[in-house]
Amino acid sequence: MINYPIKFEPILKEKIWGGNKLKNVLCKKTTKSNVGESWEISDVNKDVSVISNGLAKGTTLRELINYYQCSLLGKKNYETFGKKFPLLIKFIDADRDLSIQVHPDDEMAKRRHDSFGKTEMWYIMQADNNANLIVGFEEKISKREYIKHLNNNSLESILHYEKVKPGDSFFIDAGKVHAIGAGVMLAEIQQTSDITYRLYDWNRKDANGNTRKLHTAEALDAIKFNGKRDFKKTYQKLKNSTSNIAECPYFTTNFTTVSGKFEKNYTELDSFVVYMCTKGEGRITVNNHTETVKQGETVLLPAMVDQVKVTSNYCELLEVFI
């Protein structure tokens, strides 16, 4: 039986914009420099997570799904997604600004890439002074106006900049133009997709003097040109109880602060559950099996788990399920 808190080997990604916080702050073991992303749970082709603990240690996430199916994913998730884990769970460190980008929705991603679309959310774990995000346009614009600014190299002037602090959370639906700014470290929950259309990359070059590919034409049909300010999420920081941050067809994310003991019954939930530790350290117990989770670590609870107990002097957790 796969009835215990599952941990995975992080998949670390060097990026042109990456830094050292994942190594120095979240204690990711690596000799790499400029590490921008830690893929905590992934079923992306060529980047499938491998279990690092328990009876299934050394098994891939995909092998686990093939064997346990509904017991791991939940009946409805298995019927909807088949033998594909539907979420990609990450920690991200932006030492420099990411490219200004957009992601396709399900229909476009399926038609163009045979992939899921990419709706995502961010939870800010750390932010340097005056760090910000780009989220959407400052106001509604036309496609023609957008193209004019793109051609005039003035795209930055029509985008919305949002200063951030730890604890802020943002929902980025497919089609919303966005970028993570320099100095931000965050947790990201998204659909299982690695499809990104770059609009602008600050004219920077890599170590070989090359610029990264832009996806101007592909992005044009994906972008939502409205100026909606619907991206910042509000929630309560409740002690030993969950508060909802974001809810959509692709995932639900809740927040909890554990001080002492937190218990939750998942008998009525037909889904796996992911816990991301964003601060502190706690002990997660399922079926007499206990795993320690520290800031920057993630565990997966199979759908068959009915009861979980978390004990901690103090920790903050994101709870994710479908």
Protein backbone atom coordinates (compact mmCIF):
# COMPACT_ATOMS: atom_id res chain seq x y z
CA MET A 1 0.00 0.00 0.00
CA ILE A 2 1.22 3.49 -0.85
CA ASN A 3 -0.29 4.99 2.30
CA TYR A 4 2.42 7.38 3.52
CA PRO A 5 3.77 10.94 2.88
CA ILE A 6 5.83 10.68 -0.32
CA LYS A 7 8.89 12.85 -0.94
CA PHE A 8 10.74 13.29 -4.23
CA GLU A 9 14.22 14.18 -5.41
CA PRO A 10 14.11 17.84 -6.52
CA ILE A 11 14.81 18.44 -10.22
CA LEU A 12 16.96 21.57 -10.29
CA LYS A 13 17.02 23.82 -13.35
CA GLU A 14 19.74 26.31 -14.19
CA LYS A 15 18.31 29.48 -15.74
CA ILE A 16 19.80 32.62 -17.23
CA TRP A 17 17.87 34.53 -14.57
CA GLY A 18 18.43 32.08 -11.67
CA GLY A 19 20.29 32.71 -8.41
CA ASN A 20 21.43 30.99 -5.22
CA LYS A 21 18.43 31.21 -2.88
CA LEU A 22 17.22 27.70 -3.64
CA LYS A 23 20.60 26.44 -2.47
CA ASN A 24 21.34 28.92 0.31
CA VAL A 25 17.84 29.54 1.70
CA LEU A 26 15.89 26.37 0.83
CA CYS A 27 18.96 24.09 1.23
CA LYS A 28 18.70 22.39 -2.14
CA LYS A 29 21.78 20.22 -2.64
CA THR A 30 23.53 21.30 -5.82
CA THR A 31 26.88 22.36 -7.22
CA LYS A 32 25.12 24.22 -10.02
CA SER A 33 25.06 28.00 -10.20
CA ASN A 34 22.15 30.19 -11.30
CA VAL A 35 19.54 27.65 -10.19
CA GLY A 36 16.18 29.20 -11.01
CA GLU A 37 13.73 26.38 -10.43
CA SER A 38 13.31 23.34 -8.22
CA TRP A 39 10.71 21.01 -9.72
CA GLU A 40 9.33 19.31 -6.63
CA ILE A 41 6.72 17.08 -8.28
CA SER A 42 6.80 16.67 -12.05
CA ASP A 43 5.36 14.38 -14.68
CA VAL A 44 6.75 16.42 -17.59
CA ASN A 45 8.37 14.22 -20.22
CA LYS A 46 12.13 13.79 -19.56
CA ASP A 47 11.68 15.38 -16.12
CA VAL A 48 9.66 12.80 -14.19
CA SER A 49 10.10 12.91 -10.40
CA VAL A 50 11.73 10.03 -8.52
CA ILE A 51 10.61 9.07 -4.99
CA SER A 52 13.26 9.63 -2.31
CA ASN A 53 11.70 7.93 0.75
CA GLY A 54 9.77 4.94 2.02
CA LEU A 55 8.92 1.63 0.41
CA ALA A 56 8.67 3.13 -3.07
CA LYS A 57 12.08 4.86 -2.94
CA GLY A 58 13.68 4.93 -6.39
CA THR A 59 10.33 4.55 -8.17
CA THR A 60 9.26 7.26 -10.62
CA LEU A 61 6.02 9.16 -10.23
CA ARG A 62 4.85 7.73 -13.54
CA GLU A 63 5.50 4.16 -12.41
CA LEU A 64 3.62 4.89 -9.21
CA ILE A 65 0.59 6.16 -11.13
CA ASN A 66 0.66 3.18 -13.48
CA TYR A 67 0.48 0.81 -10.52
CA TYR A 68 -1.78 2.59 -8.03
CA GLN A 69 -3.98 4.63 -10.40
CA CYS A 70 -7.11 5.81 -8.51
CA SER A 71 -5.54 5.04 -5.13
CA LEU A 72 -2.89 7.65 -5.86
CA LEU A 73 -4.70 10.25 -7.99
CA GLY A 74 -8.33 9.84 -6.94
CA LYS A 75 -11.10 8.31 -9.05
CA LYS A 76 -12.25 11.52 -10.75
CA ASN A 77 -8.69 12.69 -11.45
CA TYR A 78 -7.82 9.31 -12.95
CA GLU A 79 -10.92 9.44 -15.16
CA THR A 80 -10.05 13.00 -16.25
CA PHE A 81 -6.27 12.86 -16.66
CA GLY A 82 -5.56 9.16 -17.06
CA LYS A 83 -2.03 8.12 -16.11
CA LYS A 84 -0.76 11.71 -16.09
CA PHE A 85 -0.06 13.66 -12.93
CA PRO A 86 -1.98 16.89 -13.57
CA LEU A 87 0.11 19.39 -11.56
CA LEU A 88 3.67 20.66 -11.71
CA ILE A 89 4.90 21.86 -8.30
CA LYS A 90 7.91 24.23 -8.13
CA PHE A 91 9.97 26.62 -6.07
CA ILE A 92 11.40 29.53 -8.11
CA ASP A 93 14.24 31.97 -7.42
CA ALA A 94 14.46 34.98 -9.73
CA ASP A 95 17.84 36.66 -9.28
CA ARG A 96 17.10 38.62 -12.46
CA ASP A 97 13.83 39.45 -14.21
CA LEU A 98 12.20 36.58 -16.05
CA SER A 99 11.09 37.15 -19.62
CA ILE A 100 7.72 38.78 -20.20
CA GLN A 101 5.61 35.81 -21.22
CA VAL A 102 2.21 34.22 -21.63
CA HIS A 103 0.86 30.66 -21.57
CA PRO A 104 -1.78 29.05 -23.82
CA ASP A 105 -5.09 27.69 -22.56
CA ASP A 106 -6.09 24.03 -22.78
CA GLU A 107 -7.60 24.22 -26.25
CA MET A 108 -4.65 26.02 -27.83
CA ALA A 109 -2.05 23.89 -26.02
CA LYS A 110 -3.77 20.69 -27.09
CA ARG A 111 -4.04 21.81 -30.71
CA ARG A 112 -0.51 23.16 -31.01
CA HIS A 113 1.51 21.05 -28.59
CA ASP A 114 -0.62 18.06 -27.53
CA SER A 115 -0.24 19.39 -24.00
CA PHE A 116 -2.27 20.76 -21.10
CA GLY A 117 -2.60 24.53 -20.97
CA LYS A 118 -0.90 26.46 -18.20
CA THR A 119 -2.89 28.17 -15.50
CA GLU A 120 -0.78 28.78 -12.41
CA MET A 121 -0.53 30.56 -9.08
CA TRP A 122 2.30 32.04 -7.04
CA TYR A 123 2.87 32.30 -3.30
CA ILE A 124 5.61 34.78 -2.40
CA MET A 125 8.08 33.29 0.10
CA GLN A 126 10.73 36.00 0.06
CA ALA A 127 11.16 39.32 -1.74
CA ASP A 128 14.03 41.82 -1.78
CA ASN A 129 13.28 45.49 -1.23
CA ASN A 130 11.17 46.97 -4.06
CA ALA A 131 10.86 43.59 -5.81
CA ASN A 132 7.86 43.29 -8.08
CA LEU A 133 5.92 41.20 -10.54
CA ILE A 134 4.46 42.05 -13.90
CA VAL A 135 0.85 40.88 -14.04
CA GLY A 136 -1.31 41.84 -17.01
CA PHE A 137 -1.76 45.22 -18.66
CA GLU A 138 -2.14 48.52 -16.85
CA GLU A 139 -5.43 48.96 -18.71
CA LYS A 140 -7.34 47.29 -21.50
CA ILE A 141 -5.65 47.65 -24.88
CA SER A 142 -6.30 46.48 -28.42
CA LYS A 143 -4.26 43.90 -30.25
CA ARG A 144 -3.18 46.65 -32.65
CA GLU A 145 -1.90 48.85 -29.80
CA TYR A 146 -0.03 45.91 -28.31
CA ILE A 147 1.73 45.19 -31.62
CA LYS A 148 2.68 48.86 -31.93
CA HIS A 149 4.33 48.87 -28.50
CA LEU A 150 6.04 45.56 -29.19
CA ASN A 151 7.52 46.89 -32.42
CA ASN A 152 8.56 50.16 -30.75
CA ASN A 153 10.31 48.30 -27.92
CA SER A 154 7.98 50.01 -25.42
CA LEU A 155 6.09 46.98 -24.12
CA GLU A 156 7.12 47.75 -20.53
CA SER A 157 5.16 51.01 -20.57
CA ILE A 158 1.76 49.30 -20.90
CA LEU A 159 2.25 46.53 -18.32
CA HIS A 160 1.06 46.46 -14.71
CA TYR A 161 3.77 46.30 -12.04
CA GLU A 162 2.89 44.97 -8.59
CA LYS A 163 5.23 45.32 -5.60
CA VAL A 164 5.29 42.18 -3.48
CA LYS A 165 6.07 41.00 0.03
CA PRO A 166 6.18 37.56 1.69
CA GLY A 167 2.73 36.02 1.98
CA ASP A 168 1.30 37.70 -1.13
CA SER A 169 -0.39 35.35 -3.58
CA PHE A 170 -1.30 35.71 -7.24
CA PHE A 171 -3.46 33.71 -9.65
CA ILE A 172 -2.22 33.71 -13.24
CA ASP A 173 -4.77 32.26 -15.63
CA ALA A 174 -3.78 31.19 -19.13
CA GLY A 175 -3.58 34.19 -21.45
CA LYS A 176 -2.43 36.70 -18.82
CA VAL A 177 0.87 38.38 -19.65
CA HIS A 178 3.27 38.16 -16.70
CA ALA A 179 6.84 38.02 -15.40
CA ILE A 180 8.50 37.33 -12.06
CA GLY A 181 10.76 40.23 -11.11
CA ALA A 182 14.31 40.13 -9.80
CA GLY A 183 14.62 39.42 -6.08
CA VAL A 184 11.52 37.22 -5.73
CA MET A 185 11.47 33.65 -4.43
CA LEU A 186 8.13 31.89 -4.63
CA ALA A 187 6.19 28.64 -4.65
CA GLU A 188 4.39 27.88 -7.89
CA ILE A 189 1.46 25.55 -8.49
CA GLN A 190 0.54 24.99 -12.14
CA GLN A 191 -0.92 22.60 -14.63
CA THR A 192 1.54 20.01 -15.93
CA SER A 193 2.84 21.98 -18.88
CA ASP A 194 6.16 23.45 -19.92
CA ILE A 195 4.73 25.62 -22.72
CA THR A 196 5.81 29.26 -22.50
CA TYR A 197 5.55 31.98 -25.15
CA ARG A 198 8.17 34.70 -24.63
CA LEU A 199 7.14 38.20 -25.68
CA TYR A 200 10.23 40.10 -24.57
CA ASP A 201 13.49 39.08 -22.86
CA TRP A 202 15.12 42.42 -22.01
CA ASN A 203 17.49 42.11 -25.00
CA ARG A 204 19.84 39.99 -22.89
CA LYS A 205 22.26 37.39 -24.16
CA ASP A 206 23.44 34.09 -22.74
CA ALA A 207 27.05 33.09 -22.01
CA ASN A 208 27.53 32.35 -25.71
CA GLY A 209 26.27 35.74 -26.80
CA ASN A 210 22.95 34.43 -28.05
CA THR A 211 19.50 35.82 -27.34
CA ARG A 212 16.68 33.46 -26.38
CA LYS A 213 13.94 32.69 -28.86
CA LEU A 214 10.83 34.87 -28.78
CA HIS A 215 7.37 33.58 -29.70
CA THR A 216 5.76 36.74 -31.04
CA ALA A 217 3.34 35.14 -33.48
CA GLU A 218 2.33 32.25 -31.23
CA ALA A 219 1.68 34.58 -28.30
CA LEU A 220 -0.54 36.95 -30.23
CA ASP A 221 -3.45 34.51 -30.28
CA ALA A 222 -2.92 33.47 -26.66
CA ILE A 223 -2.93 36.89 -24.97
CA LYS A 224 -5.93 38.30 -23.15
CA PHE A 225 -5.81 42.05 -23.75
CA ASN A 226 -8.15 43.06 -20.92
CA GLY A 227 -6.91 45.08 -17.98
CA LYS A 228 -8.58 43.05 -15.25
CA ARG A 229 -7.05 43.35 -11.77
CA ASP A 230 -8.32 39.95 -10.66
CA PHE A 231 -4.96 38.36 -9.96
CA LYS A 232 -4.09 39.17 -6.33
CA LYS A 233 -5.68 36.78 -3.85
CA THR A 234 -6.69 37.52 -0.27
CA TYR A 235 -6.84 34.92 2.47
CA GLN A 236 -6.61 34.57 6.24
CA LYS A 237 -3.63 33.20 8.15
CA LEU A 238 -5.45 30.82 10.46
CA LYS A 239 -3.74 28.82 13.20
CA ASN A 240 -4.19 25.05 12.77
CA SER A 241 -6.95 25.53 10.21
CA THR A 242 -7.00 26.08 6.45
CA SER A 243 -7.89 29.23 4.56
CA ASN A 244 -8.54 29.18 0.82
CA ILE A 245 -6.17 31.13 -1.41
CA ALA A 246 -7.16 29.99 -4.89
CA GLU A 247 -9.72 27.66 -6.43
CA CYS A 248 -10.16 26.79 -10.10
CA PRO A 249 -10.90 23.68 -12.19
CA TYR A 250 -7.19 22.81 -12.20
CA PHE A 251 -6.32 23.06 -8.50
CA THR A 252 -7.36 24.30 -5.07
CA THR A 253 -4.74 25.87 -2.82
CA ASN A 254 -5.22 26.51 0.89
CA PHE A 255 -2.94 28.02 3.52
CA THR A 256 -2.41 26.93 7.10
CA THR A 257 -0.16 27.92 9.98
CA VAL A 258 0.64 24.98 12.25
CA SER A 259 1.55 25.69 15.86
CA GLY A 260 1.14 22.61 18.01
CA LYS A 261 -1.06 20.07 16.21
CA PHE A 262 -3.11 20.21 13.01
CA GLU A 263 -5.31 17.27 11.97
CA LYS A 264 -7.43 16.85 8.88
CA ASN A 265 -9.73 14.14 7.57
CA TYR A 266 -9.65 13.57 3.80
CA THR A 267 -12.18 10.74 3.66
CA GLU A 268 -14.57 12.78 1.50
CA LEU A 269 -11.85 14.19 -0.77
CA ASP A 270 -11.36 12.26 -4.00
CA SER A 271 -7.88 13.59 -4.74
CA PHE A 272 -4.22 13.42 -3.85
CA VAL A 273 -2.97 16.24 -1.59
CA VAL A 274 0.32 18.14 -1.85
CA TYR A 275 1.87 19.96 1.10
CA MET A 276 4.50 22.62 0.36
CA CYS A 277 6.36 23.95 3.40
CA THR A 278 6.97 27.67 2.90
CA LYS A 279 8.27 28.44 6.40
CA GLY A 280 9.47 26.57 9.47
CA GLU A 281 9.49 22.82 9.98
CA GLY A 282 6.82 20.23 10.76
CA ARG A 283 6.23 16.51 11.11
CA ILE A 284 3.56 14.95 8.88
CA THR A 285 2.12 11.64 10.09
CA VAL A 286 0.01 9.27 8.01
CA ASN A 287 -0.76 5.68 9.05
CA ASN A 288 1.99 5.68 11.72
CA HIS A 289 4.56 6.85 9.14
CA THR A 290 6.07 10.27 9.93
CA GLU A 291 8.10 12.46 7.61
CA THR A 292 9.74 15.76 8.53
CA VAL A 293 9.07 18.60 6.11
CA LYS A 294 11.17 21.76 6.20
CA GLN A 295 10.96 25.10 4.44
CA GLY A 296 11.41 24.39 0.75
CA GLU A 297 10.29 20.76 0.93
CA THR A 298 7.19 19.11 -0.50
CA VAL A 299 5.24 15.92 0.21
CA LEU A 300 2.54 14.10 -1.72
CA LEU A 301 -0.29 12.34 0.09
CA PRO A 302 -1.97 9.66 -2.05
CA ALA A 303 -5.73 9.89 -2.53
CA MET A 304 -6.18 6.79 -0.39
CA VAL A 305 -4.98 8.74 2.70
CA ASP A 306 -7.93 9.39 5.03
CA GLN A 307 -6.30 11.13 7.97
CA VAL A 308 -3.22 13.32 8.38
CA LYS A 309 -1.63 14.89 11.44
CA VAL A 310 0.92 17.70 11.37
CA THR A 311 2.85 18.69 14.49
CA SER A 312 5.16 21.68 14.71
CA ASN A 313 6.41 24.45 16.95
CA TYR A 314 5.69 26.63 13.92
CA CYS A 315 5.40 26.07 10.19
CA GLU A 316 3.45 27.43 7.24
CA LEU A 317 2.03 25.06 4.64
CA LEU A 318 0.32 25.30 1.28
CA GLU A 319 -2.25 22.51 0.85
CA VAL A 320 -2.96 21.67 -2.80
CA PHE A 321 -5.48 19.28 -4.35
CA ILE A 322 -7.96 19.00 -7.20
